[in-house]
Every structure is written in C-alpha cells, then in structure tokens.
Amino acid sequence: MSMNNHATAHYKIIADSGGSRYRFFCDLSGMALCTTEPVRGDTQQQELKMAWETEGKKHFNRCAKCGRWVSDPMFNADMLQCVDCAPWQEKPNYCIHCGKEISGTDRFCDACGTRLRYREVAV
C-alpha cells in the first residue's frame, strides 16, 4: 500500500460569518470527528493549517504504514497502524463506525445501526 501524503484528514469547509469552519472526517469510517471554531487567515490554505493544528489534529491518529488519518476505533494502537493495515487480532468490543461499546452477541450497533460484520460466523 502506498503512503498517503495528505497533510490533514479529509475535510469540508463551512462558511461562517466569523471566518471558515472546518469539519474533519476519519479517512476509513468517514465519521466526522471535529468541527472547528471559525478561523480567519489570509488564504484558505493558511486557515486550513491553523484549523488542523489548533483543533483538528488532536482527534486523529496517523497510520505509520499508509498515512491515513483515522479515529481511535479505526486505529490499532499496538501496531501504530490503521485497522486496514493491521487488523485486530481479537474482535473489538466497540462499534468500528461510532465507537460505542457493544456486547459479544450484538449483530448491529445500538447507537448508529451499523451491521457488525466481525460478529458474524463464517459458514
């Protein structure tokens, strides 16, 4: 897998009367992890850098193998890699989409409704 070299997680710009707000998303799950306060800069690139460094970056982990910016549930901290590059050895006890704790028998997340495919038994 090639190294992803983008400097921030995926984001959307939200226009605000006080400047631009940035919403940052996990590169694997697509879940929004952070929406910044309004930021003003001379250029959009400067605003993005300020928003990422002051508010966004602390909500993410960077995969040491592929370089994606991911949420805690999508990060294998033992390997310092995303779960695509280093899958869990044991099945997680939380929803990989929203992070809510789940029981060993749940097939769907109670919080977000995501189907928990790793709970299925291969036939």
Protein backbone atom coordinates (compact mmCIF):
# COMPACT_ATOMS: atom_id res chain seq x y z
CA MET A 1 0.00 0.00 0.00
CA SER A 2 1.40 3.39 -0.89
CA MET A 3 1.84 6.11 1.69
CA ASN A 4 -0.93 8.71 1.74
CA ASN A 5 0.78 12.07 1.84
CA HIS A 6 -2.06 14.48 2.58
CA ALA A 7 -1.29 16.77 5.49
CA THR A 8 -4.77 16.65 7.07
CA ALA A 9 -7.72 14.31 7.33
CA HIS A 10 -10.46 14.77 4.74
CA TYR A 11 -12.47 17.90 5.44
CA LYS A 12 -15.34 20.14 4.40
CA ILE A 13 -15.37 23.92 4.68
CA ILE A 14 -18.36 25.50 6.38
CA ALA A 15 -18.84 29.21 5.68
CA ASP A 16 -19.35 31.25 8.84
CA SER A 17 -19.68 34.99 9.40
CA GLY A 18 -16.62 34.90 11.68
CA GLY A 19 -14.44 33.04 9.16
CA SER A 20 -14.39 29.47 7.87
CA ARG A 21 -15.10 26.41 9.99
CA TYR A 22 -13.57 23.07 9.08
CA ARG A 23 -15.16 19.66 9.66
CA PHE A 24 -12.61 16.82 9.66
CA PHE A 25 -13.51 13.19 8.86
CA CYS A 26 -11.90 9.82 9.57
CA ASP A 27 -10.25 8.54 6.38
CA LEU A 28 -11.61 4.99 6.97
CA SER A 29 -15.05 5.28 8.53
CA GLY A 30 -15.98 8.68 7.13
CA MET A 31 -17.20 9.71 10.60
CA ALA A 32 -16.97 13.42 11.43
CA LEU A 33 -14.62 13.79 14.39
CA CYS A 34 -14.16 17.52 14.75
CA THR A 35 -15.75 20.78 13.65
CA THR A 36 -13.57 23.77 14.40
CA GLU A 37 -14.43 27.20 15.64
CA PRO A 38 -14.36 29.89 12.90
CA VAL A 39 -10.83 30.55 11.61
CA ARG A 40 -9.63 33.56 9.65
CA GLY A 41 -6.48 33.66 7.58
CA ASP A 42 -5.04 35.47 4.59
CA THR A 43 -5.56 32.39 2.41
CA GLN A 44 -7.70 29.27 2.58
CA GLN A 45 -4.53 27.18 2.89
CA GLN A 46 -3.45 29.23 5.91
CA GLU A 47 -6.91 28.82 7.50
CA LEU A 48 -6.83 25.07 6.93
CA LYS A 49 -3.39 24.76 8.50
CA MET A 50 -4.46 26.78 11.56
CA ALA A 51 -7.70 24.79 11.99
CA TRP A 52 -5.86 21.47 11.67
CA GLU A 53 -3.00 22.33 14.01
CA THR A 54 -5.09 24.02 16.74
CA GLU A 55 -8.20 21.81 16.82
CA GLY A 56 -8.39 19.01 14.28
CA LYS A 57 -5.19 17.01 14.57
CA LYS A 58 -5.63 16.04 18.23
CA HIS A 59 -8.70 13.94 17.32
CA PHE A 60 -6.82 11.70 14.88
CA ASN A 61 -4.13 9.05 14.66
CA ARG A 62 -1.89 8.73 11.61
CA CYS A 63 -1.23 5.25 10.26
CA ALA A 64 2.52 4.62 10.14
CA LYS A 65 2.09 2.37 7.10
CA CYS A 66 -0.38 4.08 4.75
CA GLY A 67 -0.50 7.60 6.23
CA ARG A 68 -4.29 7.84 6.61
CA TRP A 69 -5.74 9.97 9.42
CA VAL A 70 -8.13 7.80 11.43
CA SER A 71 -10.26 7.85 14.59
CA ASP A 72 -9.36 5.88 17.70
CA PRO A 73 -11.74 2.97 16.88
CA MET A 74 -10.09 2.64 13.43
CA PHE A 75 -6.54 2.60 14.84
CA ASN A 76 -4.60 -0.42 16.09
CA ALA A 77 -2.50 1.32 18.75
CA ASP A 78 -0.36 -1.78 19.33
CA MET A 79 0.88 -1.59 15.73
CA LEU A 80 0.54 2.21 15.23
CA GLN A 81 -1.43 1.48 12.06
CA CYS A 82 -5.00 1.78 10.86
CA VAL A 83 -7.13 -1.36 11.06
CA ASP A 84 -6.92 -1.84 7.28
CA CYS A 85 -3.13 -2.16 7.51
CA ALA A 86 -3.07 -4.02 10.86
CA PRO A 87 -6.39 -5.73 11.64
CA TRP A 88 -7.22 -6.56 15.23
CA GLN A 89 -6.07 -9.94 16.50
CA GLU A 90 -9.17 -10.12 18.67
CA LYS A 91 -12.60 -8.84 17.71
CA PRO A 92 -13.17 -5.34 19.10
CA ASN A 93 -15.76 -4.73 21.79
CA TYR A 94 -16.96 -1.47 20.25
CA CYS A 95 -18.58 -0.35 17.01
CA ILE A 96 -15.92 0.46 14.43
CA HIS A 97 -18.15 3.19 12.99
CA CYS A 98 -19.17 5.22 16.06
CA GLY A 99 -17.07 3.78 18.91
CA LYS A 100 -19.98 2.71 21.18
CA GLU A 101 -19.24 -0.29 23.41
CA ILE A 102 -21.04 -3.46 22.28
CA SER A 103 -21.60 -6.92 23.72
CA GLY A 104 -20.19 -10.10 22.22
CA THR A 105 -23.60 -11.08 20.81
CA ASP A 106 -24.63 -7.83 19.12
CA ARG A 107 -25.04 -8.01 15.34
CA PHE A 108 -25.97 -4.33 14.94
CA CYS A 109 -24.76 -1.28 16.86
CA ASP A 110 -27.47 0.09 19.18
CA ALA A 111 -26.21 3.66 18.71
CA CYS A 112 -25.74 4.01 14.94
CA GLY A 113 -27.26 0.84 13.46
CA THR A 114 -24.09 -0.28 11.67
CA ARG A 115 -24.01 -4.01 10.96
CA LEU A 116 -21.18 -5.55 12.96
CA ARG A 117 -19.77 -7.92 10.33
CA TYR A 118 -16.95 -9.18 12.53
CA ARG A 119 -19.62 -10.71 14.81
CA GLU A 120 -20.85 -12.99 12.00
CA VAL A 121 -19.82 -16.62 11.91
CA ALA A 122 -18.43 -17.95 8.63
CA VAL A 123 -20.42 -20.92 7.30
